[in-house]
Amino acid sequence: MKLIIQIPCYNEEETLPKTLAELPREIPGVDSVEVLVIDDGSSDRTVEVARENGVEHILSFTQHRGLARAFAAGLDAAVRAGADIIVNTDADNQYHGPDIALLVAPVLRGEADIVIGDRRPGTIPHFSWMKRRLQRLGSWVVRKVSRTEVPDAASGFRAYSREAALKINVVSDFSYVLETILQAASKDLKIVSVPVRTNRVLRKSRLVSSLPNYLRRQTETILRIYAMYEPLRVFSIIGGATIIVGLALAIRFLYFFFTGQGGGHVQSVVAAGVFIILGFLILLGGLGADLVAANRKILEDTLYRVRRMEAERKKDTSQQ
């Protein structure tokens, strides 16, 4: 049983040594623990620092691609390196390294495909009042949309089984944390959470440059991913609401018509017709999107099988 701890990095030469020093190298039930650093186009000594600290695997981008791309590339590289379990952590030492043993335990017992570390963001002292409330709101929205019970959806401290890593396809170029939960729920992957500890802040978050921008990007991610995996439901809600508006306008006109005042409300008939036709067009678009989603599922299944065969062949070659 091999565990690979992946760490996406972007100019982390100052914080990476402390992060690496806290990582456990022996965990009950795990035969070997290795570290993978994904260098996201760093311009400092991140790669050299990783080598100096004994990192077994280093994947480097020629330019900065963003956290989501680095995370996805890390999953792929870890699977190719023979990982049975993959843990993702941050290079800024936000998460308490020894708690990795808590993350992998449910996967080792076969109780989960993905384990998310619950930081209990409402109790983190360095989070502002606003950030705590937004973290709770965001996690609540993700729970409702994904129909899961994840208390800390924004946590990047996670463990993935090999199968889960093979099935996840990150399409966002911003952040993976919400997208992977929505995908996992749609693919019937079992998600559980365990309480984890956090360390003191070493630097400000680079992902959250401003709360309005962060909220906008994450909202876009939720809407896009939900529309990808539940297109008929999304289009039905929008189309149904549009038709209801049209019917309400039609009823309004009929009320005035039967009370002898219909002559001055012809615009209601026109608007009602526009809304009703538009609503039906949206519903038809939803049917088309649902057919596309069915094809996408077939393609994702094919991609999963190809990935699995490639990973198994790579693993067999490395063991010879």
C-alpha atoms as a PDB file:
ATOM      1  CA  MET A   1       0.000   0.000   0.000  1.00  0.00           C
ATOM      2  CA  LYS A   2       1.661   3.185  -1.219  1.00  0.00           C
ATOM      3  CA  LEU A   3       0.675   6.673  -0.098  1.00  0.00           C
ATOM      4  CA  ILE A   4       1.792   9.704  -2.078  1.00  0.00           C
ATOM      5  CA  ILE A   5       1.381  13.150  -0.517  1.00  0.00           C
ATOM      6  CA  GLN A   6       1.048  15.755  -3.241  1.00  0.00           C
ATOM      7  CA  ILE A   7       1.810  19.428  -2.659  1.00  0.00           C
ATOM      8  CA  PRO A   8       0.943  22.024  -5.334  1.00  0.00           C
ATOM      9  CA  CYS A   9       3.535  24.818  -5.093  1.00  0.00           C
ATOM     10  CA  TYR A  10       3.929  28.291  -6.514  1.00  0.00           C
ATOM     11  CA  ASN A  11       6.940  30.197  -5.159  1.00  0.00           C
ATOM     12  CA  GLU A  12       6.980  28.325  -1.851  1.00  0.00           C
ATOM     13  CA  GLU A  13      10.703  28.182  -1.069  1.00  0.00           C
ATOM     14  CA  GLU A  14      10.159  29.807   2.341  1.00  0.00           C
ATOM     15  CA  THR A  15       7.241  27.705   3.619  1.00  0.00           C
ATOM     16  CA  LEU A  16       7.903  24.372   1.873  1.00  0.00           C
ATOM     17  CA  PRO A  17      10.686  23.143   4.236  1.00  0.00           C
ATOM     18  CA  LYS A  18       8.424  23.478   7.284  1.00  0.00           C
ATOM     19  CA  THR A  19       5.558  21.760   5.462  1.00  0.00           C
ATOM     20  CA  LEU A  20       7.803  18.853   4.437  1.00  0.00           C
ATOM     21  CA  ALA A  21       9.265  18.517   7.932  1.00  0.00           C
ATOM     22  CA  GLU A  22       5.788  17.902   9.409  1.00  0.00           C
ATOM     23  CA  LEU A  23       4.769  15.194   6.947  1.00  0.00           C
ATOM     24  CA  PRO A  24       4.653  11.682   8.447  1.00  0.00           C
ATOM     25  CA  ARG A  25       6.913   9.109   6.820  1.00  0.00           C
ATOM     26  CA  GLU A  26       5.345   6.113   8.551  1.00  0.00           C
ATOM     27  CA  ILE A  27       1.606   5.473   8.891  1.00  0.00           C
ATOM     28  CA  PRO A  28      -0.042   2.289  10.221  1.00  0.00           C
ATOM     29  CA  GLY A  29      -1.415   0.214   7.341  1.00  0.00           C
ATOM     30  CA  VAL A  30       0.747   1.981   4.742  1.00  0.00           C
ATOM     31  CA  ASP A  31       3.874   0.307   3.381  1.00  0.00           C
ATOM     32  CA  SER A  32       5.528   3.394   1.934  1.00  0.00           C
ATOM     33  CA  VAL A  33       5.000   7.152   2.055  1.00  0.00           C
ATOM     34  CA  GLU A  34       6.345   9.342  -0.748  1.00  0.00           C
ATOM     35  CA  VAL A  35       6.015  13.040  -1.555  1.00  0.00           C
ATOM     36  CA  LEU A  36       5.154  14.678  -4.872  1.00  0.00           C
ATOM     37  CA  VAL A  37       5.709  18.412  -5.405  1.00  0.00           C
ATOM     38  CA  ILE A  38       3.886  20.035  -8.319  1.00  0.00           C
ATOM     39  CA  ASP A  39       5.850  23.148  -9.239  1.00  0.00           C
ATOM     40  CA  ASP A  40       3.306  25.503 -10.811  1.00  0.00           C
ATOM     41  CA  GLY A  41       5.788  27.605 -12.759  1.00  0.00           C
ATOM     42  CA  SER A  42       7.658  28.964  -9.724  1.00  0.00           C
ATOM     43  CA  SER A  43      10.293  31.636 -10.262  1.00  0.00           C
ATOM     44  CA  ASP A  44      12.084  31.037  -6.946  1.00  0.00           C
ATOM     45  CA  ARG A  45      13.984  28.021  -5.537  1.00  0.00           C
ATOM     46  CA  THR A  46      10.932  25.863  -4.881  1.00  0.00           C
ATOM     47  CA  VAL A  47      12.240  22.929  -6.943  1.00  0.00           C
ATOM     48  CA  GLU A  48      15.731  23.103  -5.418  1.00  0.00           C
ATOM     49  CA  VAL A  49      14.269  23.245  -1.913  1.00  0.00           C
ATOM     50  CA  ALA A  50      12.110  20.203  -2.672  1.00  0.00           C
ATOM     51  CA  ARG A  51      15.135  18.226  -3.846  1.00  0.00           C
ATOM     52  CA  GLU A  52      17.209  19.329  -0.850  1.00  0.00           C
ATOM     53  CA  ASN A  53      14.484  18.035   1.471  1.00  0.00           C
ATOM     54  CA  GLY A  54      14.297  14.582  -0.096  1.00  0.00           C
ATOM     55  CA  VAL A  55      11.127  14.877  -2.183  1.00  0.00           C
ATOM     56  CA  GLU A  56      10.812  11.713  -4.300  1.00  0.00           C
ATOM     57  CA  HIS A  57       8.715  13.121  -7.167  1.00  0.00           C
ATOM     58  CA  ILE A  58       8.769  16.583  -8.746  1.00  0.00           C
ATOM     59  CA  LEU A  59       6.463  17.674 -11.555  1.00  0.00           C
ATOM     60  CA  SER A  60       7.244  21.097 -13.043  1.00  0.00           C
ATOM     61  CA  PHE A  61       5.155  23.380 -15.249  1.00  0.00           C
ATOM     62  CA  THR A  62       6.956  25.780 -17.571  1.00  0.00           C
ATOM     63  CA  GLN A  63       4.497  28.530 -16.636  1.00  0.00           C
ATOM     64  CA  HIS A  64       1.944  29.269 -13.927  1.00  0.00           C
ATOM     65  CA  ARG A  65      -1.309  27.388 -14.658  1.00  0.00           C
ATOM     66  CA  GLY A  66      -3.241  27.759 -11.422  1.00  0.00           C
ATOM     67  CA  LEU A  67      -4.117  25.614  -8.422  1.00  0.00           C
ATOM     68  CA  ALA A  68      -6.778  23.495 -10.124  1.00  0.00           C
ATOM     69  CA  ARG A  69      -4.467  22.487 -12.980  1.00  0.00           C
ATOM     70  CA  ALA A  70      -1.639  21.701 -10.562  1.00  0.00           C
ATOM     71  CA  PHE A  71      -3.949  19.574  -8.414  1.00  0.00           C
ATOM     72  CA  ALA A  72      -5.262  17.592 -11.398  1.00  0.00           C
ATOM     73  CA  ALA A  73      -1.765  17.020 -12.776  1.00  0.00           C
ATOM     74  CA  GLY A  74      -0.684  15.850  -9.337  1.00  0.00           C
ATOM     75  CA  LEU A  75      -3.439  13.243  -9.154  1.00  0.00           C
ATOM     76  CA  ASP A  76      -2.456  11.900 -12.555  1.00  0.00           C
ATOM     77  CA  ALA A  77       1.250  11.815 -11.717  1.00  0.00           C
ATOM     78  CA  ALA A  78       0.625  10.147  -8.353  1.00  0.00           C
ATOM     79  CA  VAL A  79      -1.494   7.409  -9.914  1.00  0.00           C
ATOM     80  CA  ARG A  80       1.185   6.815 -12.564  1.00  0.00           C
ATOM     81  CA  ALA A  81       3.754   6.552  -9.777  1.00  0.00           C
ATOM     82  CA  GLY A  82       1.773   3.681  -8.263  1.00  0.00           C
ATOM     83  CA  ALA A  83      -0.110   5.461  -5.485  1.00  0.00           C
ATOM     84  CA  ASP A  84      -2.913   3.517  -3.817  1.00  0.00           C
ATOM     85  CA  ILE A  85      -3.889   6.564  -1.752  1.00  0.00           C
ATOM     86  CA  ILE A  86      -3.202  10.213  -2.549  1.00  0.00           C
ATOM     87  CA  VAL A  87      -3.271  12.992   0.033  1.00  0.00           C
ATOM     88  CA  ASN A  88      -3.380  16.620  -1.053  1.00  0.00           C
ATOM     89  CA  THR A  89      -2.039  19.306   1.260  1.00  0.00           C
ATOM     90  CA  ASP A  90      -0.971  22.933   0.920  1.00  0.00           C
ATOM     91  CA  ALA A  91       2.607  24.161   0.749  1.00  0.00           C
ATOM     92  CA  ASP A  92       1.959  27.032   3.180  1.00  0.00           C
ATOM     93  CA  ASN A  93       1.784  24.558   6.115  1.00  0.00           C
ATOM     94  CA  GLN A  94      -1.838  25.511   6.799  1.00  0.00           C
ATOM     95  CA  TYR A  95      -2.720  21.910   7.696  1.00  0.00           C
ATOM     96  CA  HIS A  96      -1.250  19.847  10.521  1.00  0.00           C
ATOM     97  CA  GLY A  97       0.883  17.222   8.777  1.00  0.00           C
ATOM     98  CA  PRO A  98       0.532  14.422  11.368  1.00  0.00           C
ATOM     99  CA  ASP A  99      -3.254  14.462  10.795  1.00  0.00           C
ATOM    100  CA  ILE A 100      -2.654  12.779   7.442  1.00  0.00           C
ATOM    101  CA  ALA A 101      -2.965   9.504   9.341  1.00  0.00           C
ATOM    102  CA  LEU A 102      -6.543  10.508  10.232  1.00  0.00           C
ATOM    103  CA  LEU A 103      -7.324  11.287   6.592  1.00  0.00           C
ATOM    104  CA  VAL A 104      -6.146   7.978   5.163  1.00  0.00           C
ATOM    105  CA  ALA A 105      -7.709   5.775   7.865  1.00  0.00           C
ATOM    106  CA  PRO A 106     -11.248   5.643   6.340  1.00  0.00           C
ATOM    107  CA  VAL A 107      -9.771   4.844   2.910  1.00  0.00           C
ATOM    108  CA  LEU A 108      -7.627   2.066   4.383  1.00  0.00           C
ATOM    109  CA  ARG A 109     -10.697   0.586   6.072  1.00  0.00           C
ATOM    110  CA  GLY A 110     -12.640   0.706   2.800  1.00  0.00           C
ATOM    111  CA  GLU A 111     -15.188   3.115   4.269  1.00  0.00           C
ATOM    112  CA  ALA A 112     -14.598   6.028   1.890  1.00  0.00           C
ATOM    113  CA  ASP A 113     -13.315   6.978  -1.539  1.00  0.00           C
ATOM    114  CA  ILE A 114     -12.590  10.578  -0.555  1.00  0.00           C
ATOM    115  CA  VAL A 115     -11.872  11.968   2.908  1.00  0.00           C
ATOM    116  CA  ILE A 116     -12.007  15.716   3.534  1.00  0.00           C
ATOM    117  CA  GLY A 117     -10.342  17.302   6.528  1.00  0.00           C
ATOM    118  CA  ASP A 118     -12.791  19.392   8.552  1.00  0.00           C
ATOM    119  CA  ARG A 119     -10.969  22.460   9.864  1.00  0.00           C
ATOM    120  CA  ARG A 120     -14.126  23.620  11.670  1.00  0.00           C
ATOM    121  CA  PRO A 121     -13.732  27.025   9.991  1.00  0.00           C
ATOM    122  CA  GLY A 122     -16.127  28.664  12.400  1.00  0.00           C
ATOM    123  CA  THR A 123     -13.537  28.212  15.162  1.00  0.00           C
ATOM    124  CA  ILE A 124     -10.339  29.176  13.290  1.00  0.00           C
ATOM    125  CA  PRO A 125      -9.050  32.291  15.106  1.00  0.00           C
ATOM    126  CA  HIS A 126      -7.290  33.970  12.153  1.00  0.00           C
ATOM    127  CA  PHE A 127     -10.443  33.841   9.986  1.00  0.00           C
ATOM    128  CA  SER A 128     -12.405  37.088   9.985  1.00  0.00           C
ATOM    129  CA  TRP A 129     -16.054  37.121  11.065  1.00  0.00           C
ATOM    130  CA  MET A 130     -17.104  37.545   7.442  1.00  0.00           C
ATOM    131  CA  LYS A 131     -14.886  34.720   6.202  1.00  0.00           C
ATOM    132  CA  ARG A 132     -16.257  32.326   8.818  1.00  0.00           C
ATOM    133  CA  ARG A 133     -19.830  33.099   7.790  1.00  0.00           C
ATOM    134  CA  LEU A 134     -19.012  32.771   4.090  1.00  0.00           C
ATOM    135  CA  GLN A 135     -17.262  29.442   4.670  1.00  0.00           C
ATOM    136  CA  ARG A 136     -20.357  28.121   6.430  1.00  0.00           C
ATOM    137  CA  LEU A 137     -22.660  29.455   3.722  1.00  0.00           C
ATOM    138  CA  GLY A 138     -20.519  28.016   0.938  1.00  0.00           C
ATOM    139  CA  SER A 139     -20.371  24.590   2.580  1.00  0.00           C
ATOM    140  CA  TRP A 140     -24.147  24.645   3.097  1.00  0.00           C
ATOM    141  CA  VAL A 141     -24.720  25.449  -0.592  1.00  0.00           C
ATOM    142  CA  VAL A 142     -22.387  22.640  -1.683  1.00  0.00           C
ATOM    143  CA  ARG A 143     -24.144  20.189   0.648  1.00  0.00           C
ATOM    144  CA  LYS A 144     -27.520  21.082  -0.813  1.00  0.00           C
ATOM    145  CA  VAL A 145     -26.357  20.970  -4.427  1.00  0.00           C
ATOM    146  CA  SER A 146     -24.314  17.775  -4.090  1.00  0.00           C
ATOM    147  CA  ARG A 147     -26.598  16.082  -1.532  1.00  0.00           C
ATOM    148  CA  THR A 148     -23.596  15.255   0.643  1.00  0.00           C
ATOM    149  CA  GLU A 149     -22.730  15.986   4.276  1.00  0.00           C
ATOM    150  CA  VAL A 150     -19.409  17.809   3.883  1.00  0.00           C
ATOM    151  CA  PRO A 151     -19.018  20.350   6.734  1.00  0.00           C
ATOM    152  CA  ASP A 152     -15.923  22.095   5.310  1.00  0.00           C
ATOM    153  CA  ALA A 153     -16.222  22.118   1.516  1.00  0.00           C
ATOM    154  CA  ALA A 154     -13.365  24.612   1.036  1.00  0.00           C
ATOM    155  CA  SER A 155     -10.789  22.423   2.777  1.00  0.00           C
ATOM    156  CA  GLY A 156      -7.963  21.312   0.491  1.00  0.00           C
ATOM    157  CA  PHE A 157      -6.638  18.761   2.996  1.00  0.00           C
ATOM    158  CA  ARG A 158      -7.956  15.558   1.442  1.00  0.00           C
ATOM    159  CA  ALA A 159      -7.284  11.887   0.811  1.00  0.00           C
ATOM    160  CA  TYR A 160      -8.297  10.107  -2.393  1.00  0.00           C
ATOM    161  CA  SER A 161      -8.373   6.422  -3.134  1.00  0.00           C
ATOM    162  CA  ARG A 162      -6.759   5.308  -6.380  1.00  0.00           C
ATOM    163  CA  GLU A 163     -10.189   4.707  -7.944  1.00  0.00           C
ATOM    164  CA  ALA A 164     -11.434   8.147  -6.949  1.00  0.00           C
ATOM    165  CA  ALA A 165      -8.337   9.792  -8.420  1.00  0.00           C
ATOM    166  CA  LEU A 166      -8.876   7.957 -11.695  1.00  0.00           C
ATOM    167  CA  LYS A 167     -12.507   9.068 -11.927  1.00  0.00           C
ATOM    168  CA  ILE A 168     -12.060  12.756 -11.070  1.00  0.00           C
ATOM    169  CA  ASN A 169     -11.771  15.156 -14.026  1.00  0.00           C
ATOM    170  CA  VAL A 170     -11.049  18.743 -13.027  1.00  0.00           C
ATOM    171  CA  VAL A 171     -12.250  21.245 -15.638  1.00  0.00           C
ATOM    172  CA  SER A 172     -11.921  24.457 -13.622  1.00  0.00           C
ATOM    173  CA  ASP A 173      -8.755  26.537 -13.855  1.00  0.00           C
ATOM    174  CA  PHE A 174      -9.365  28.294 -10.518  1.00  0.00           C
ATOM    175  CA  SER A 175      -9.909  25.867  -7.644  1.00  0.00           C
ATOM    176  CA  TYR A 176     -10.706  22.183  -7.380  1.00  0.00           C
ATOM    177  CA  VAL A 177     -12.234  22.013  -3.882  1.00  0.00           C
ATOM    178  CA  LEU A 178     -15.911  22.483  -4.746  1.00  0.00           C
ATOM    179  CA  GLU A 179     -15.790  20.935  -8.198  1.00  0.00           C
ATOM    180  CA  THR A 180     -14.380  17.621  -6.980  1.00  0.00           C
ATOM    181  CA  ILE A 181     -17.124  17.293  -4.356  1.00  0.00           C
ATOM    182  CA  LEU A 182     -19.852  17.852  -6.959  1.00  0.00           C
ATOM    183  CA  GLN A 183     -18.181  15.414  -9.340  1.00  0.00           C
ATOM    184  CA  ALA A 184     -17.683  12.780  -6.654  1.00  0.00           C
ATOM    185  CA  ALA A 185     -21.354  12.970  -5.676  1.00  0.00           C
ATOM    186  CA  SER A 186     -22.435  12.530  -9.297  1.00  0.00           C
ATOM    187  CA  LYS A 187     -20.124   9.521  -9.685  1.00  0.00           C
ATOM    188  CA  ASP A 188     -21.410   7.859  -6.477  1.00  0.00           C
ATOM    189  CA  LEU A 189     -18.051   8.120  -4.725  1.00  0.00           C
ATOM    190  CA  LYS A 190     -18.303   7.887  -0.950  1.00  0.00           C
ATOM    191  CA  ILE A 191     -17.196  11.101   0.819  1.00  0.00           C
ATOM    192  CA  VAL A 192     -16.577  11.370   4.549  1.00  0.00           C
ATOM    193  CA  SER A 193     -15.042  14.067   6.736  1.00  0.00           C
ATOM    194  CA  VAL A 194     -12.709  13.873   9.724  1.00  0.00           C
ATOM    195  CA  PRO A 195     -11.700  16.686  12.121  1.00  0.00           C
ATOM    196  CA  VAL A 196      -8.192  18.006  11.485  1.00  0.00           C
ATOM    197  CA  ARG A 197      -5.996  20.671  13.027  1.00  0.00           C
ATOM    198  CA  THR A 198      -4.545  23.780  11.426  1.00  0.00           C
ATOM    199  CA  ASN A 199      -1.279  25.602  12.021  1.00  0.00           C
ATOM    200  CA  ARG A 200      -0.599  29.303  12.460  1.00  0.00           C
ATOM    201  CA  VAL A 201      -0.646  31.424   9.331  1.00  0.00           C
ATOM    202  CA  LEU A 202       2.732  31.788   7.570  1.00  0.00           C
ATOM    203  CA  ARG A 203       1.476  33.914   4.676  1.00  0.00           C
ATOM    204  CA  LYS A 204      -1.728  35.323   3.203  1.00  0.00           C
ATOM    205  CA  SER A 205      -3.817  33.183   0.880  1.00  0.00           C
ATOM    206  CA  ARG A 206      -2.985  33.673  -2.795  1.00  0.00           C
ATOM    207  CA  LEU A 207      -6.212  32.070  -3.951  1.00  0.00           C
ATOM    208  CA  VAL A 208      -8.402  34.570  -2.091  1.00  0.00           C
ATOM    209  CA  SER A 209      -7.121  37.903  -3.396  1.00  0.00           C
ATOM    210  CA  SER A 210     -10.443  39.470  -2.405  1.00  0.00           C
ATOM    211  CA  LEU A 211     -13.648  37.996  -1.009  1.00  0.00           C
ATOM    212  CA  PRO A 212     -15.902  39.352  -3.799  1.00  0.00           C
ATOM    213  CA  ASN A 213     -13.658  37.864  -6.492  1.00  0.00           C
ATOM    214  CA  TYR A 214     -13.388  34.557  -4.629  1.00  0.00           C
ATOM    215  CA  LEU A 215     -17.161  34.351  -4.193  1.00  0.00           C
ATOM    216  CA  ARG A 216     -17.736  35.134  -7.860  1.00  0.00           C
ATOM    217  CA  ARG A 217     -15.289  32.483  -9.069  1.00  0.00           C
ATOM    218  CA  GLN A 218     -16.612  29.806  -6.728  1.00  0.00           C
ATOM    219  CA  THR A 219     -20.231  30.609  -7.607  1.00  0.00           C
ATOM    220  CA  GLU A 220     -19.371  30.272 -11.287  1.00  0.00           C
ATOM    221  CA  THR A 221     -17.734  26.909 -10.580  1.00  0.00           C
ATOM    222  CA  ILE A 222     -20.765  25.573  -8.700  1.00  0.00           C
ATOM    223  CA  LEU A 223     -23.212  26.690 -11.398  1.00  0.00           C
ATOM    224  CA  ARG A 224     -21.088  25.354 -14.251  1.00  0.00           C
ATOM    225  CA  ILE A 225     -20.411  21.959 -12.689  1.00  0.00           C
ATOM    226  CA  TYR A 226     -23.999  21.524 -11.515  1.00  0.00           C
ATOM    227  CA  ALA A 227     -25.244  22.408 -15.003  1.00  0.00           C
ATOM    228  CA  MET A 228     -22.788  19.883 -16.490  1.00  0.00           C
ATOM    229  CA  TYR A 229     -23.978  17.005 -14.332  1.00  0.00           C
ATOM    230  CA  GLU A 230     -27.645  17.957 -13.839  1.00  0.00           C
ATOM    231  CA  PRO A 231     -28.498  19.874 -17.044  1.00  0.00           C
ATOM    232  CA  LEU A 232     -32.123  18.761 -17.346  1.00  0.00           C
ATOM    233  CA  ARG A 233     -32.873  19.821 -13.772  1.00  0.00           C
ATOM    234  CA  VAL A 234     -31.193  23.212 -14.233  1.00  0.00           C
ATOM    235  CA  PHE A 235     -32.883  23.957 -17.555  1.00  0.00           C
ATOM    236  CA  SER A 236     -36.227  22.676 -16.241  1.00  0.00           C
ATOM    237  CA  ILE A 237     -36.080  25.088 -13.311  1.00  0.00           C
ATOM    238  CA  ILE A 238     -35.157  28.038 -15.527  1.00  0.00           C
ATOM    239  CA  GLY A 239     -37.597  27.089 -18.286  1.00  0.00           C
ATOM    240  CA  GLY A 240     -40.401  26.333 -15.842  1.00  0.00           C
ATOM    241  CA  ALA A 241     -39.926  29.665 -14.067  1.00  0.00           C
ATOM    242  CA  THR A 242     -40.002  31.477 -17.413  1.00  0.00           C
ATOM    243  CA  ILE A 243     -43.234  29.734 -18.438  1.00  0.00           C
ATOM    244  CA  ILE A 244     -44.820  30.567 -15.074  1.00  0.00           C
ATOM    245  CA  VAL A 245     -44.037  34.256 -15.627  1.00  0.00           C
ATOM    246  CA  GLY A 246     -45.648  34.024 -19.052  1.00  0.00           C
ATOM    247  CA  LEU A 247     -48.748  32.307 -17.664  1.00  0.00           C
ATOM    248  CA  ALA A 248     -49.013  34.931 -14.915  1.00  0.00           C
ATOM    249  CA  LEU A 249     -49.016  37.680 -17.542  1.00  0.00           C
ATOM    250  CA  ALA A 250     -51.639  35.787 -19.568  1.00  0.00           C
ATOM    251  CA  ILE A 251     -53.867  35.409 -16.515  1.00  0.00           C
ATOM    252  CA  ARG A 252     -53.421  39.120 -15.792  1.00  0.00           C
ATOM    253  CA  PHE A 253     -54.647  39.965 -19.282  1.00  0.00           C
ATOM    254  CA  LEU A 254     -57.605  37.590 -19.012  1.00  0.00           C
ATOM    255  CA  TYR A 255     -58.604  39.215 -15.717  1.00  0.00           C
ATOM    256  CA  PHE A 256     -58.680  42.657 -17.289  1.00  0.00           C
ATOM    257  CA  PHE A 257     -60.333  41.272 -20.439  1.00  0.00           C
ATOM    258  CA  PHE A 258     -63.273  39.735 -18.579  1.00  0.00           C
ATOM    259  CA  THR A 259     -63.671  42.856 -16.472  1.00  0.00           C
ATOM    260  CA  GLY A 260     -63.971  44.970 -19.615  1.00  0.00           C
ATOM    261  CA  GLN A 261     -60.507  46.575 -19.400  1.00  0.00           C
ATOM    262  CA  GLY A 262     -58.609  44.337 -21.825  1.00  0.00           C
ATOM    263  CA  GLY A 263     -58.050  47.010 -24.455  1.00  0.00           C
ATOM    264  CA  GLY A 264     -55.292  48.726 -22.492  1.00  0.00           C
ATOM    265  CA  HIS A 265     -53.365  45.586 -21.615  1.00  0.00           C
ATOM    266  CA  VAL A 266     -52.545  44.036 -24.987  1.00  0.00           C
ATOM    267  CA  GLN A 267     -48.831  44.282 -24.102  1.00  0.00           C
ATOM    268  CA  SER A 268     -49.421  41.600 -21.455  1.00  0.00           C
ATOM    269  CA  VAL A 269     -50.489  39.172 -24.189  1.00  0.00           C
ATOM    270  CA  VAL A 270     -47.337  39.890 -26.205  1.00  0.00           C
ATOM    271  CA  ALA A 271     -45.072  39.544 -23.164  1.00  0.00           C
ATOM    272  CA  ALA A 272     -46.870  36.339 -22.100  1.00  0.00           C
ATOM    273  CA  GLY A 273     -46.326  34.794 -25.519  1.00  0.00           C
ATOM    274  CA  VAL A 274     -42.635  35.732 -25.489  1.00  0.00           C
ATOM    275  CA  PHE A 275     -42.050  34.253 -22.032  1.00  0.00           C
ATOM    276  CA  ILE A 276     -43.964  31.050 -22.739  1.00  0.00           C
ATOM    277  CA  ILE A 277     -42.169  30.436 -26.041  1.00  0.00           C
ATOM    278  CA  LEU A 278     -38.812  31.246 -24.444  1.00  0.00           C
ATOM    279  CA  GLY A 279     -39.579  28.843 -21.600  1.00  0.00           C
ATOM    280  CA  PHE A 280     -40.329  25.997 -23.982  1.00  0.00           C
ATOM    281  CA  LEU A 281     -37.134  26.742 -25.926  1.00  0.00           C
ATOM    282  CA  ILE A 282     -35.157  26.554 -22.678  1.00  0.00           C
ATOM    283  CA  LEU A 283     -36.765  23.203 -21.879  1.00  0.00           C
ATOM    284  CA  LEU A 284     -35.816  21.924 -25.340  1.00  0.00           C
ATOM    285  CA  GLY A 285     -32.286  23.168 -24.710  1.00  0.00           C
ATOM    286  CA  GLY A 286     -32.308  21.215 -21.470  1.00  0.00           C
ATOM    287  CA  LEU A 287     -33.238  18.025 -23.321  1.00  0.00           C
ATOM    288  CA  GLY A 288     -30.359  18.586 -25.724  1.00  0.00           C
ATOM    289  CA  ALA A 289     -27.963  19.292 -22.854  1.00  0.00           C
ATOM    290  CA  ASP A 290     -29.134  16.117 -21.116  1.00  0.00           C
ATOM    291  CA  LEU A 291     -28.266  14.086 -24.225  1.00  0.00           C
ATOM    292  CA  VAL A 292     -24.834  15.746 -24.301  1.00  0.00           C
ATOM    293  CA  ALA A 293     -24.399  14.899 -20.598  1.00  0.00           C
ATOM    294  CA  ALA A 294     -25.191  11.256 -21.336  1.00  0.00           C
ATOM    295  CA  ASN A 295     -22.474  11.220 -23.992  1.00  0.00           C
ATOM    296  CA  ARG A 296     -20.088  12.933 -21.592  1.00  0.00           C
ATOM    297  CA  LYS A 297     -20.650  10.168 -19.047  1.00  0.00           C
ATOM    298  CA  ILE A 298     -19.775   7.578 -21.684  1.00  0.00           C
ATOM    299  CA  LEU A 299     -16.612   9.519 -22.555  1.00  0.00           C
ATOM    300  CA  GLU A 300     -15.673   9.847 -18.877  1.00  0.00           C
ATOM    301  CA  ASP A 301     -16.119   6.108 -18.395  1.00  0.00           C
ATOM    302  CA  THR A 302     -13.902   5.473 -21.413  1.00  0.00           C
ATOM    303  CA  LEU A 303     -11.297   7.909 -20.091  1.00  0.00           C
ATOM    304  CA  TYR A 304     -11.393   6.181 -16.696  1.00  0.00           C
ATOM    305  CA  ARG A 305     -10.752   2.796 -18.304  1.00  0.00           C
ATOM    306  CA  VAL A 306      -7.859   4.168 -20.377  1.00  0.00           C
ATOM    307  CA  ARG A 307      -6.337   5.854 -17.333  1.00  0.00           C
ATOM    308  CA  ARG A 308      -6.671   2.688 -15.319  1.00  0.00           C
ATOM    309  CA  MET A 309      -4.997   0.539 -17.979  1.00  0.00           C
ATOM    310  CA  GLU A 310      -2.153   3.041 -18.380  1.00  0.00           C
ATOM    311  CA  ALA A 311      -1.663   3.307 -14.621  1.00  0.00           C
ATOM    312  CA  GLU A 312      -1.650  -0.466 -14.159  1.00  0.00           C
ATOM    313  CA  ARG A 313       0.828  -0.910 -17.011  1.00  0.00           C
ATOM    314  CA  LYS A 314       3.066   1.795 -15.520  1.00  0.00           C
ATOM    315  CA  LYS A 315       2.822   0.201 -12.086  1.00  0.00           C
ATOM    316  CA  ASP A 316       3.669  -3.273 -13.432  1.00  0.00           C
ATOM    317  CA  THR A 317       6.656  -1.853 -15.359  1.00  0.00           C
ATOM    318  CA  SER A 318       8.032  -0.106 -12.262  1.00  0.00           C
ATOM    319  CA  GLN A 319       7.760  -3.286 -10.197  1.00  0.00           C
ATOM    320  CA  GLN A 320       9.702  -5.423 -12.691  1.00  0.00           C
END
